[in-house]
Amino acid sequence: MAQRERDIKSASWVGIFGNAFLSVLKIVAGFISGSLAVVADGIDSSTDIITSVITLLTARVLNKAPNKKYPYGYDKADTIATKLLSFIIFFAGAQLLITTVRKLISGVSHEAPGKLAVIITLVSILGKLLLSFHQFRAGRKTNSAMLIANGRNMQNDVIISGSVLLGLVFIYVFKMPVLDIITALLVSLWVLRVAVNIFKETSLELMDGTKDCTIYEKIFDAIDAVEGAHHPHRVRARNIGHKIMIAIDLEVDGELTLHEAHEIAHRVEDSIKSKIDNVFDVAIHIEPLGDKKEEKAFGITKENL
């Protein structure tokens, strides 16, 4: 856990300094060259500084031990921070959208941006590619949704900078400076789309859902491989940060001793952990075979896969 915290902090500092450099570079170059699209790209990079600061602060929380108030620990701080990032990204996109729409309807004539805008945009594309690769790599290593979301956001920034570059090329080819503002408008819509997608993904985890529904097939396959384990039902899998928590109701022969039933439950847990990565805990409720007690509708059975 301490190593995971250090890795997340390290990746966050790289994101902070990298995005700060690119943001200042693009905003200054955008104003000098007269390109609103490049300025918009720089503003988008400045939001990445905030997201990296949030991941840095969250890394300090993740490593706290469970307590009476938070018996499951603090790993969902990762998810909450990721949702906060979605709001920041959405706000930046909305502000950019309002600014570009006002520019479009103002009817003021525009001049073609200087060639400095093209050079800085190329530098931005290379820088964002390196940053997104680093964030993805660190996110996968630490199983951090925060860093992966940050990497995805920076990967989208590559597309944004690419669209800005394409818009600048069109400006020089077609001699239509207004294309710079139209490009900025499209960038703002893309930023809003990214924010909404991140918000939806984090909502899934906070509602104890799962993106990969094939996990239930793997759970049932793992249970089927254990002799003496019957009729698994009310199976529930949820994420707590990078960990997976699984709860199962399981039937065994009612004539078995408590010790024998306990051994079957242990073998089921081991079988599941051997087939599914990042399983932190498997809670198994043992019932006598053929129990007809009224069950609540929570969880998954083989019949409703």
C-alpha atoms as a PDB file:
ATOM      1  CA  MET A   1       0.000   0.000   0.000  1.00  0.00           C
ATOM      2  CA  ALA A   2       2.860   2.403   0.819  1.00  0.00           C
ATOM      3  CA  GLN A   3       4.479   1.682  -2.569  1.00  0.00           C
ATOM      4  CA  ARG A   4       1.119   2.248  -4.301  1.00  0.00           C
ATOM      5  CA  GLU A   5       0.795   5.620  -2.581  1.00  0.00           C
ATOM      6  CA  ARG A   6       4.317   6.598  -3.674  1.00  0.00           C
ATOM      7  CA  ASP A   7       3.618   5.567  -7.282  1.00  0.00           C
ATOM      8  CA  ILE A   8       0.393   7.599  -7.400  1.00  0.00           C
ATOM      9  CA  LYS A   9       2.123  10.646  -5.902  1.00  0.00           C
ATOM     10  CA  SER A  10       4.997  10.357  -8.373  1.00  0.00           C
ATOM     11  CA  ALA A  11       2.616  10.144 -11.343  1.00  0.00           C
ATOM     12  CA  SER A  12       0.663  13.128  -9.975  1.00  0.00           C
ATOM     13  CA  TRP A  13       3.787  15.303  -9.741  1.00  0.00           C
ATOM     14  CA  VAL A  14       4.737  14.406 -13.313  1.00  0.00           C
ATOM     15  CA  GLY A  15       1.226  15.424 -14.396  1.00  0.00           C
ATOM     16  CA  ILE A  16       1.389  18.713 -12.489  1.00  0.00           C
ATOM     17  CA  PHE A  17       4.733  19.883 -13.893  1.00  0.00           C
ATOM     18  CA  GLY A  18       4.125  18.533 -17.406  1.00  0.00           C
ATOM     19  CA  ASN A  19       0.699  20.138 -17.761  1.00  0.00           C
ATOM     20  CA  ALA A  20       1.824  23.398 -16.158  1.00  0.00           C
ATOM     21  CA  PHE A  21       4.594  23.723 -18.758  1.00  0.00           C
ATOM     22  CA  LEU A  22       2.286  22.909 -21.698  1.00  0.00           C
ATOM     23  CA  SER A  23      -0.542  25.090 -20.397  1.00  0.00           C
ATOM     24  CA  VAL A  24       1.596  28.238 -20.007  1.00  0.00           C
ATOM     25  CA  LEU A  25       3.276  27.553 -23.366  1.00  0.00           C
ATOM     26  CA  LYS A  26      -0.037  27.230 -25.249  1.00  0.00           C
ATOM     27  CA  ILE A  27      -1.855  30.128 -23.597  1.00  0.00           C
ATOM     28  CA  VAL A  28       1.041  32.552 -24.162  1.00  0.00           C
ATOM     29  CA  ALA A  29       1.611  31.328 -27.724  1.00  0.00           C
ATOM     30  CA  GLY A  30      -2.127  31.467 -28.423  1.00  0.00           C
ATOM     31  CA  PHE A  31      -2.375  35.114 -27.400  1.00  0.00           C
ATOM     32  CA  ILE A  32       0.817  36.042 -29.288  1.00  0.00           C
ATOM     33  CA  SER A  33      -0.282  34.268 -32.460  1.00  0.00           C
ATOM     34  CA  GLY A  34      -3.921  35.310 -32.125  1.00  0.00           C
ATOM     35  CA  SER A  35      -5.342  31.771 -32.040  1.00  0.00           C
ATOM     36  CA  LEU A  36      -8.369  31.255 -29.795  1.00  0.00           C
ATOM     37  CA  ALA A  37      -8.207  27.508 -30.441  1.00  0.00           C
ATOM     38  CA  VAL A  38      -4.643  27.305 -29.071  1.00  0.00           C
ATOM     39  CA  VAL A  39      -5.652  29.397 -26.036  1.00  0.00           C
ATOM     40  CA  ALA A  40      -8.587  27.006 -25.523  1.00  0.00           C
ATOM     41  CA  ASP A  41      -6.225  24.052 -25.727  1.00  0.00           C
ATOM     42  CA  GLY A  42      -4.027  25.721 -23.106  1.00  0.00           C
ATOM     43  CA  ILE A  43      -7.003  26.279 -20.795  1.00  0.00           C
ATOM     44  CA  ASP A  44      -7.883  22.596 -21.146  1.00  0.00           C
ATOM     45  CA  SER A  45      -4.318  21.701 -20.114  1.00  0.00           C
ATOM     46  CA  SER A  46      -4.605  24.000 -17.085  1.00  0.00           C
ATOM     47  CA  THR A  47      -7.542  21.898 -15.823  1.00  0.00           C
ATOM     48  CA  ASP A  48      -5.210  18.898 -15.998  1.00  0.00           C
ATOM     49  CA  ILE A  49      -3.015  20.621 -13.404  1.00  0.00           C
ATOM     50  CA  ILE A  50      -5.981  20.707 -11.038  1.00  0.00           C
ATOM     51  CA  THR A  51      -6.791  17.052 -11.711  1.00  0.00           C
ATOM     52  CA  SER A  52      -3.188  16.050 -10.956  1.00  0.00           C
ATOM     53  CA  VAL A  53      -3.264  18.045  -7.698  1.00  0.00           C
ATOM     54  CA  ILE A  54      -6.456  16.196  -6.723  1.00  0.00           C
ATOM     55  CA  THR A  55      -4.842  12.812  -7.421  1.00  0.00           C
ATOM     56  CA  LEU A  56      -1.846  13.888  -5.324  1.00  0.00           C
ATOM     57  CA  LEU A  57      -4.042  14.840  -2.360  1.00  0.00           C
ATOM     58  CA  THR A  58      -6.166  11.711  -2.722  1.00  0.00           C
ATOM     59  CA  ALA A  59      -3.075   9.490  -2.602  1.00  0.00           C
ATOM     60  CA  ARG A  60      -2.552  10.671   0.980  1.00  0.00           C
ATOM     61  CA  VAL A  61      -6.035   9.438   1.928  1.00  0.00           C
ATOM     62  CA  LEU A  62      -5.969   6.040   0.209  1.00  0.00           C
ATOM     63  CA  ASN A  63      -3.381   4.531   2.525  1.00  0.00           C
ATOM     64  CA  LYS A  64      -5.319   5.207   5.745  1.00  0.00           C
ATOM     65  CA  ALA A  65      -6.248   2.120   7.750  1.00  0.00           C
ATOM     66  CA  PRO A  66      -9.913   1.106   8.171  1.00  0.00           C
ATOM     67  CA  ASN A  67     -11.627   2.369  11.308  1.00  0.00           C
ATOM     68  CA  LYS A  68     -15.059   2.385  12.982  1.00  0.00           C
ATOM     69  CA  LYS A  69     -16.280   5.168  10.706  1.00  0.00           C
ATOM     70  CA  TYR A  70     -14.901   3.638   7.503  1.00  0.00           C
ATOM     71  CA  PRO A  71     -14.630  -0.133   8.137  1.00  0.00           C
ATOM     72  CA  TYR A  72     -14.029  -0.813   4.430  1.00  0.00           C
ATOM     73  CA  GLY A  73     -11.123   1.621   4.328  1.00  0.00           C
ATOM     74  CA  TYR A  74     -10.588   4.720   2.192  1.00  0.00           C
ATOM     75  CA  ASP A  75     -10.118   3.242  -1.279  1.00  0.00           C
ATOM     76  CA  LYS A  76     -13.331   4.771  -2.629  1.00  0.00           C
ATOM     77  CA  ALA A  77     -11.666   8.159  -2.199  1.00  0.00           C
ATOM     78  CA  ASP A  78     -10.126   7.249  -5.580  1.00  0.00           C
ATOM     79  CA  THR A  79     -13.613   7.048  -7.128  1.00  0.00           C
ATOM     80  CA  ILE A  80     -14.863  10.205  -5.428  1.00  0.00           C
ATOM     81  CA  ALA A  81     -11.790  12.122  -6.629  1.00  0.00           C
ATOM     82  CA  THR A  82     -12.371  10.839 -10.164  1.00  0.00           C
ATOM     83  CA  LYS A  83     -15.952  12.117 -10.040  1.00  0.00           C
ATOM     84  CA  LEU A  84     -14.667  15.495  -8.858  1.00  0.00           C
ATOM     85  CA  LEU A  85     -12.343  15.530 -11.860  1.00  0.00           C
ATOM     86  CA  SER A  86     -15.364  15.075 -14.129  1.00  0.00           C
ATOM     87  CA  PHE A  87     -16.961  18.232 -12.681  1.00  0.00           C
ATOM     88  CA  ILE A  88     -13.767  20.249 -13.200  1.00  0.00           C
ATOM     89  CA  ILE A  89     -13.416  19.034 -16.781  1.00  0.00           C
ATOM     90  CA  PHE A  90     -17.110  19.778 -17.453  1.00  0.00           C
ATOM     91  CA  PHE A  91     -16.788  23.305 -16.039  1.00  0.00           C
ATOM     92  CA  ALA A  92     -13.758  24.028 -18.240  1.00  0.00           C
ATOM     93  CA  GLY A  93     -15.605  22.731 -21.318  1.00  0.00           C
ATOM     94  CA  ALA A  94     -18.728  24.766 -20.522  1.00  0.00           C
ATOM     95  CA  GLN A  95     -16.726  27.972 -20.046  1.00  0.00           C
ATOM     96  CA  LEU A  96     -14.924  27.384 -23.332  1.00  0.00           C
ATOM     97  CA  LEU A  97     -18.226  26.679 -25.106  1.00  0.00           C
ATOM     98  CA  ILE A  98     -19.774  29.935 -23.851  1.00  0.00           C
ATOM     99  CA  THR A  99     -16.710  31.961 -24.899  1.00  0.00           C
ATOM    100  CA  THR A 100     -16.556  30.505 -28.432  1.00  0.00           C
ATOM    101  CA  VAL A 101     -20.302  30.860 -29.022  1.00  0.00           C
ATOM    102  CA  ARG A 102     -20.106  34.527 -28.013  1.00  0.00           C
ATOM    103  CA  LYS A 103     -17.191  35.006 -30.417  1.00  0.00           C
ATOM    104  CA  LEU A 104     -19.118  33.377 -33.250  1.00  0.00           C
ATOM    105  CA  ILE A 105     -22.300  35.446 -32.821  1.00  0.00           C
ATOM    106  CA  SER A 106     -20.426  38.722 -32.230  1.00  0.00           C
ATOM    107  CA  GLY A 107     -19.714  39.067 -35.951  1.00  0.00           C
ATOM    108  CA  VAL A 108     -16.278  40.591 -35.326  1.00  0.00           C
ATOM    109  CA  SER A 109     -13.782  39.954 -38.149  1.00  0.00           C
ATOM    110  CA  HIS A 110     -10.867  37.648 -37.360  1.00  0.00           C
ATOM    111  CA  GLU A 111      -7.266  37.484 -38.520  1.00  0.00           C
ATOM    112  CA  ALA A 112      -5.414  34.286 -39.356  1.00  0.00           C
ATOM    113  CA  PRO A 113      -3.282  33.083 -36.398  1.00  0.00           C
ATOM    114  CA  GLY A 114       0.504  33.238 -36.696  1.00  0.00           C
ATOM    115  CA  LYS A 115       2.634  30.194 -37.518  1.00  0.00           C
ATOM    116  CA  LEU A 116       3.800  30.044 -33.897  1.00  0.00           C
ATOM    117  CA  ALA A 117       0.413  28.482 -33.124  1.00  0.00           C
ATOM    118  CA  VAL A 118       1.203  25.523 -35.407  1.00  0.00           C
ATOM    119  CA  ILE A 119       4.642  24.935 -33.836  1.00  0.00           C
ATOM    120  CA  ILE A 120       3.316  25.052 -30.263  1.00  0.00           C
ATOM    121  CA  THR A 121       0.426  22.733 -31.141  1.00  0.00           C
ATOM    122  CA  LEU A 122       2.885  20.142 -32.485  1.00  0.00           C
ATOM    123  CA  VAL A 123       4.906  20.419 -29.244  1.00  0.00           C
ATOM    124  CA  SER A 124       1.667  19.982 -27.283  1.00  0.00           C
ATOM    125  CA  ILE A 125       0.725  16.801 -29.141  1.00  0.00           C
ATOM    126  CA  LEU A 126       4.109  15.218 -28.400  1.00  0.00           C
ATOM    127  CA  GLY A 127       4.036  16.326 -24.744  1.00  0.00           C
ATOM    128  CA  LYS A 128       0.502  15.044 -24.154  1.00  0.00           C
ATOM    129  CA  LEU A 129       1.307  11.697 -25.765  1.00  0.00           C
ATOM    130  CA  LEU A 130       4.188  11.224 -23.315  1.00  0.00           C
ATOM    131  CA  LEU A 131       2.096  12.349 -20.324  1.00  0.00           C
ATOM    132  CA  SER A 132      -0.892  10.134 -21.197  1.00  0.00           C
ATOM    133  CA  PHE A 133       1.401   7.119 -21.643  1.00  0.00           C
ATOM    134  CA  HIS A 134       2.967   7.773 -18.225  1.00  0.00           C
ATOM    135  CA  GLN A 135      -0.425   8.189 -16.489  1.00  0.00           C
ATOM    136  CA  PHE A 136      -1.872   5.032 -18.096  1.00  0.00           C
ATOM    137  CA  ARG A 137       1.204   3.036 -17.135  1.00  0.00           C
ATOM    138  CA  ALA A 138       1.100   4.251 -13.529  1.00  0.00           C
ATOM    139  CA  GLY A 139      -2.679   3.752 -13.378  1.00  0.00           C
ATOM    140  CA  ARG A 140      -2.474   0.140 -14.524  1.00  0.00           C
ATOM    141  CA  LYS A 141       0.438  -0.577 -12.193  1.00  0.00           C
ATOM    142  CA  THR A 142      -1.462   0.756  -9.159  1.00  0.00           C
ATOM    143  CA  ASN A 143      -4.986  -0.164 -10.355  1.00  0.00           C
ATOM    144  CA  SER A 144      -5.964   3.479  -9.810  1.00  0.00           C
ATOM    145  CA  ALA A 145      -9.161   4.622 -11.559  1.00  0.00           C
ATOM    146  CA  MET A 146      -8.013   8.172 -10.862  1.00  0.00           C
ATOM    147  CA  LEU A 147      -4.772   7.893 -12.816  1.00  0.00           C
ATOM    148  CA  ILE A 148      -6.409   5.927 -15.637  1.00  0.00           C
ATOM    149  CA  ALA A 149      -9.099   8.633 -15.932  1.00  0.00           C
ATOM    150  CA  ASN A 150      -6.351  11.252 -15.914  1.00  0.00           C
ATOM    151  CA  GLY A 151      -4.502   9.332 -18.627  1.00  0.00           C
ATOM    152  CA  ARG A 152      -7.687   9.052 -20.686  1.00  0.00           C
ATOM    153  CA  ASN A 153      -8.235  12.782 -20.303  1.00  0.00           C
ATOM    154  CA  MET A 154      -4.689  13.494 -21.519  1.00  0.00           C
ATOM    155  CA  GLN A 155      -5.172  11.041 -24.388  1.00  0.00           C
ATOM    156  CA  ASN A 156      -8.249  13.041 -25.349  1.00  0.00           C
ATOM    157  CA  ASP A 157      -6.084  16.160 -25.165  1.00  0.00           C
ATOM    158  CA  VAL A 158      -3.963  14.666 -27.956  1.00  0.00           C
ATOM    159  CA  ILE A 159      -7.110  14.464 -30.081  1.00  0.00           C
ATOM    160  CA  ILE A 160      -8.001  18.028 -29.077  1.00  0.00           C
ATOM    161  CA  SER A 161      -4.558  19.351 -30.009  1.00  0.00           C
ATOM    162  CA  GLY A 162      -4.752  17.354 -33.247  1.00  0.00           C
ATOM    163  CA  SER A 163      -8.069  19.001 -34.107  1.00  0.00           C
ATOM    164  CA  VAL A 164      -6.584  22.407 -33.299  1.00  0.00           C
ATOM    165  CA  LEU A 165      -3.662  21.664 -35.636  1.00  0.00           C
ATOM    166  CA  LEU A 166      -6.064  20.522 -38.368  1.00  0.00           C
ATOM    167  CA  GLY A 167      -8.093  23.704 -37.909  1.00  0.00           C
ATOM    168  CA  LEU A 168      -4.972  25.857 -38.238  1.00  0.00           C
ATOM    169  CA  VAL A 169      -4.013  24.048 -41.450  1.00  0.00           C
ATOM    170  CA  PHE A 170      -7.512  24.657 -42.849  1.00  0.00           C
ATOM    171  CA  ILE A 171      -7.226  28.337 -41.930  1.00  0.00           C
ATOM    172  CA  TYR A 172      -4.087  28.728 -44.054  1.00  0.00           C
ATOM    173  CA  VAL A 173      -5.419  26.555 -46.902  1.00  0.00           C
ATOM    174  CA  PHE A 174      -8.904  28.090 -47.167  1.00  0.00           C
ATOM    175  CA  LYS A 175      -8.008  31.581 -45.857  1.00  0.00           C
ATOM    176  CA  MET A 176     -10.910  31.449 -43.361  1.00  0.00           C
ATOM    177  CA  PRO A 177      -9.803  32.638 -39.884  1.00  0.00           C
ATOM    178  CA  VAL A 178     -13.286  31.898 -38.485  1.00  0.00           C
ATOM    179  CA  LEU A 179     -12.346  28.197 -38.642  1.00  0.00           C
ATOM    180  CA  ASP A 180     -10.129  28.820 -35.593  1.00  0.00           C
ATOM    181  CA  ILE A 181     -13.217  29.667 -33.516  1.00  0.00           C
ATOM    182  CA  ILE A 182     -15.201  26.764 -34.961  1.00  0.00           C
ATOM    183  CA  THR A 183     -12.336  24.441 -33.976  1.00  0.00           C
ATOM    184  CA  ALA A 184     -12.422  25.880 -30.437  1.00  0.00           C
ATOM    185  CA  LEU A 185     -16.186  25.220 -30.355  1.00  0.00           C
ATOM    186  CA  LEU A 186     -15.687  21.574 -31.360  1.00  0.00           C
ATOM    187  CA  VAL A 187     -12.949  21.231 -28.731  1.00  0.00           C
ATOM    188  CA  SER A 188     -15.317  22.500 -26.029  1.00  0.00           C
ATOM    189  CA  LEU A 189     -17.958  19.937 -27.026  1.00  0.00           C
ATOM    190  CA  TRP A 190     -15.365  17.154 -26.896  1.00  0.00           C
ATOM    191  CA  VAL A 191     -14.275  18.241 -23.393  1.00  0.00           C
ATOM    192  CA  LEU A 192     -17.906  18.139 -22.224  1.00  0.00           C
ATOM    193  CA  ARG A 193     -18.303  14.633 -23.662  1.00  0.00           C
ATOM    194  CA  VAL A 194     -15.214  13.401 -21.802  1.00  0.00           C
ATOM    195  CA  ALA A 195     -16.529  14.865 -18.527  1.00  0.00           C
ATOM    196  CA  VAL A 196     -19.931  13.180 -18.902  1.00  0.00           C
ATOM    197  CA  ASN A 197     -18.349   9.790 -19.666  1.00  0.00           C
ATOM    198  CA  ILE A 198     -16.078   9.943 -16.596  1.00  0.00           C
ATOM    199  CA  PHE A 199     -19.069  10.965 -14.446  1.00  0.00           C
ATOM    200  CA  LYS A 200     -21.079   7.963 -15.682  1.00  0.00           C
ATOM    201  CA  GLU A 201     -18.242   5.507 -15.044  1.00  0.00           C
ATOM    202  CA  THR A 202     -17.682   6.675 -11.469  1.00  0.00           C
ATOM    203  CA  SER A 203     -21.429   6.607 -10.766  1.00  0.00           C
ATOM    204  CA  LEU A 204     -21.413   2.921 -11.711  1.00  0.00           C
ATOM    205  CA  GLU A 205     -18.854   2.121  -9.013  1.00  0.00           C
ATOM    206  CA  LEU A 206     -20.466   4.322  -6.356  1.00  0.00           C
ATOM    207  CA  MET A 207     -23.752   2.467  -6.966  1.00  0.00           C
ATOM    208  CA  ASP A 208     -21.914  -0.858  -6.462  1.00  0.00           C
ATOM    209  CA  GLY A 209     -22.224  -1.777 -10.135  1.00  0.00           C
ATOM    210  CA  THR A 210     -19.596  -3.407 -12.318  1.00  0.00           C
ATOM    211  CA  LYS A 211     -18.343  -2.607 -15.820  1.00  0.00           C
ATOM    212  CA  ASP A 212     -17.272  -6.175 -16.527  1.00  0.00           C
ATOM    213  CA  CYS A 213     -20.362  -8.340 -16.062  1.00  0.00           C
ATOM    214  CA  THR A 214     -18.404 -11.439 -17.136  1.00  0.00           C
ATOM    215  CA  ILE A 215     -17.047 -11.491 -13.573  1.00  0.00           C
ATOM    216  CA  TYR A 216     -20.190 -13.392 -12.540  1.00  0.00           C
ATOM    217  CA  GLU A 217     -19.538 -16.140 -15.065  1.00  0.00           C
ATOM    218  CA  LYS A 218     -16.014 -16.475 -13.656  1.00  0.00           C
ATOM    219  CA  ILE A 219     -17.365 -16.654 -10.097  1.00  0.00           C
ATOM    220  CA  PHE A 220     -19.827 -19.431 -10.950  1.00  0.00           C
ATOM    221  CA  ASP A 221     -17.146 -21.336 -12.887  1.00  0.00           C
ATOM    222  CA  ALA A 222     -14.826 -21.091  -9.879  1.00  0.00           C
ATOM    223  CA  ILE A 223     -17.536 -22.385  -7.530  1.00  0.00           C
ATOM    224  CA  ASP A 224     -18.444 -25.264  -9.879  1.00  0.00           C
ATOM    225  CA  ALA A 225     -14.837 -26.442  -9.646  1.00  0.00           C
ATOM    226  CA  VAL A 226     -15.196 -27.000  -5.856  1.00  0.00           C
ATOM    227  CA  GLU A 227     -16.647 -30.318  -4.758  1.00  0.00           C
ATOM    228  CA  GLY A 228     -19.418 -29.994  -2.178  1.00  0.00           C
ATOM    229  CA  ALA A 229     -20.374 -26.410  -3.119  1.00  0.00           C
ATOM    230  CA  HIS A 230     -23.964 -26.237  -4.374  1.00  0.00           C
ATOM    231  CA  HIS A 231     -26.437 -23.684  -5.703  1.00  0.00           C
ATOM    232  CA  PRO A 232     -24.533 -20.395  -5.359  1.00  0.00           C
ATOM    233  CA  HIS A 233     -27.031 -17.536  -5.306  1.00  0.00           C
ATOM    234  CA  ARG A 234     -27.374 -13.888  -4.306  1.00  0.00           C
ATOM    235  CA  VAL A 235     -23.866 -13.368  -5.707  1.00  0.00           C
ATOM    236  CA  ARG A 236     -22.754  -9.738  -5.442  1.00  0.00           C
ATOM    237  CA  ALA A 237     -19.512  -8.215  -6.709  1.00  0.00           C
ATOM    238  CA  ARG A 238     -18.520  -4.596  -6.176  1.00  0.00           C
ATOM    239  CA  ASN A 239     -15.442  -2.438  -6.430  1.00  0.00           C
ATOM    240  CA  ILE A 240     -13.896  -0.533  -3.559  1.00  0.00           C
ATOM    241  CA  GLY A 241     -11.212   1.467  -5.299  1.00  0.00           C
ATOM    242  CA  HIS A 242      -8.969  -1.035  -7.084  1.00  0.00           C
ATOM    243  CA  LYS A 243     -10.204  -3.975  -4.978  1.00  0.00           C
ATOM    244  CA  ILE A 244     -13.129  -6.338  -5.626  1.00  0.00           C
ATOM    245  CA  MET A 245     -15.408  -7.456  -2.810  1.00  0.00           C
ATOM    246  CA  ILE A 246     -17.605 -10.530  -3.424  1.00  0.00           C
ATOM    247  CA  ALA A 247     -20.519 -11.836  -1.354  1.00  0.00           C
ATOM    248  CA  ILE A 248     -22.119 -15.251  -1.973  1.00  0.00           C
ATOM    249  CA  ASP A 249     -24.885 -17.384  -0.489  1.00  0.00           C
ATOM    250  CA  LEU A 250     -23.836 -21.020  -0.851  1.00  0.00           C
ATOM    251  CA  GLU A 251     -25.530 -24.334  -0.048  1.00  0.00           C
ATOM    252  CA  VAL A 252     -23.691 -27.370   1.341  1.00  0.00           C
ATOM    253  CA  ASP A 253     -24.817 -30.737   2.669  1.00  0.00           C
ATOM    254  CA  GLY A 254     -26.663 -30.072   5.931  1.00  0.00           C
ATOM    255  CA  GLU A 255     -25.137 -33.183   7.525  1.00  0.00           C
ATOM    256  CA  LEU A 256     -21.601 -31.786   7.305  1.00  0.00           C
ATOM    257  CA  THR A 257     -19.847 -30.555  10.423  1.00  0.00           C
ATOM    258  CA  LEU A 258     -19.161 -26.849  10.840  1.00  0.00           C
ATOM    259  CA  HIS A 259     -15.486 -27.526  10.231  1.00  0.00           C
ATOM    260  CA  GLU A 260     -16.210 -29.371   6.937  1.00  0.00           C
ATOM    261  CA  ALA A 261     -18.547 -26.604   5.709  1.00  0.00           C
ATOM    262  CA  HIS A 262     -15.904 -24.036   6.627  1.00  0.00           C
ATOM    263  CA  GLU A 263     -13.299 -25.921   4.577  1.00  0.00           C
ATOM    264  CA  ILE A 264     -15.597 -25.875   1.517  1.00  0.00           C
ATOM    265  CA  ALA A 265     -16.052 -22.117   1.913  1.00  0.00           C
ATOM    266  CA  HIS A 266     -12.256 -21.693   2.050  1.00  0.00           C
ATOM    267  CA  ARG A 267     -11.801 -23.733  -1.131  1.00  0.00           C
ATOM    268  CA  VAL A 268     -14.459 -21.624  -2.885  1.00  0.00           C
ATOM    269  CA  GLU A 269     -12.659 -18.423  -1.854  1.00  0.00           C
ATOM    270  CA  ASP A 270      -9.304 -19.761  -3.066  1.00  0.00           C
ATOM    271  CA  SER A 271     -10.836 -20.901  -6.362  1.00  0.00           C
ATOM    272  CA  ILE A 272     -12.361 -17.461  -6.995  1.00  0.00           C
ATOM    273  CA  LYS A 273      -9.127 -15.634  -6.158  1.00  0.00           C
ATOM    274  CA  SER A 274      -7.208 -17.896  -8.545  1.00  0.00           C
ATOM    275  CA  LYS A 275      -9.513 -16.970 -11.439  1.00  0.00           C
ATOM    276  CA  ILE A 276     -10.151 -13.257 -10.759  1.00  0.00           C
ATOM    277  CA  ASP A 277      -7.511 -10.597 -10.121  1.00  0.00           C
ATOM    278  CA  ASN A 278      -7.650  -8.011  -7.306  1.00  0.00           C
ATOM    279  CA  VAL A 279     -10.204  -9.883  -5.184  1.00  0.00           C
ATOM    280  CA  PHE A 280      -9.691  -8.530  -1.672  1.00  0.00           C
ATOM    281  CA  ASP A 281     -12.378 -10.484   0.193  1.00  0.00           C
ATOM    282  CA  VAL A 282     -15.045 -13.139  -0.408  1.00  0.00           C
ATOM    283  CA  ALA A 283     -17.857 -13.242   2.149  1.00  0.00           C
ATOM    284  CA  ILE A 284     -19.700 -16.590   2.021  1.00  0.00           C
ATOM    285  CA  HIS A 285     -22.990 -17.297   3.781  1.00  0.00           C
ATOM    286  CA  ILE A 286     -23.425 -21.057   4.234  1.00  0.00           C
ATOM    287  CA  GLU A 287     -26.918 -22.605   4.024  1.00  0.00           C
ATOM    288  CA  PRO A 288     -28.110 -26.245   4.231  1.00  0.00           C
ATOM    289  CA  LEU A 289     -28.686 -27.876   0.851  1.00  0.00           C
ATOM    290  CA  GLY A 290     -32.280 -27.425  -0.329  1.00  0.00           C
ATOM    291  CA  ASP A 291     -33.031 -24.482   1.951  1.00  0.00           C
ATOM    292  CA  LYS A 292     -36.284 -22.901   0.736  1.00  0.00           C
ATOM    293  CA  LYS A 293     -36.168 -19.756   2.816  1.00  0.00           C
ATOM    294  CA  GLU A 294     -37.612 -16.668   1.133  1.00  0.00           C
ATOM    295  CA  GLU A 295     -34.728 -14.751  -0.449  1.00  0.00           C
ATOM    296  CA  LYS A 296     -34.453 -11.055  -1.156  1.00  0.00           C
ATOM    297  CA  ALA A 297     -33.974 -10.101  -4.794  1.00  0.00           C
ATOM    298  CA  PHE A 298     -30.425  -8.782  -4.344  1.00  0.00           C
ATOM    299  CA  GLY A 299     -27.596 -10.449  -6.237  1.00  0.00           C
ATOM    300  CA  ILE A 300     -27.114 -12.717  -9.243  1.00  0.00           C
ATOM    301  CA  THR A 301     -27.891 -16.399  -9.825  1.00  0.00           C
ATOM    302  CA  LYS A 302     -27.007 -18.590 -12.786  1.00  0.00           C
ATOM    303  CA  GLU A 303     -30.592 -18.266 -13.970  1.00  0.00           C
ATOM    304  CA  ASN A 304     -30.395 -14.472 -14.407  1.00  0.00           C
ATOM    305  CA  LEU A 305     -26.891 -14.198 -15.886  1.00  0.00           C
END
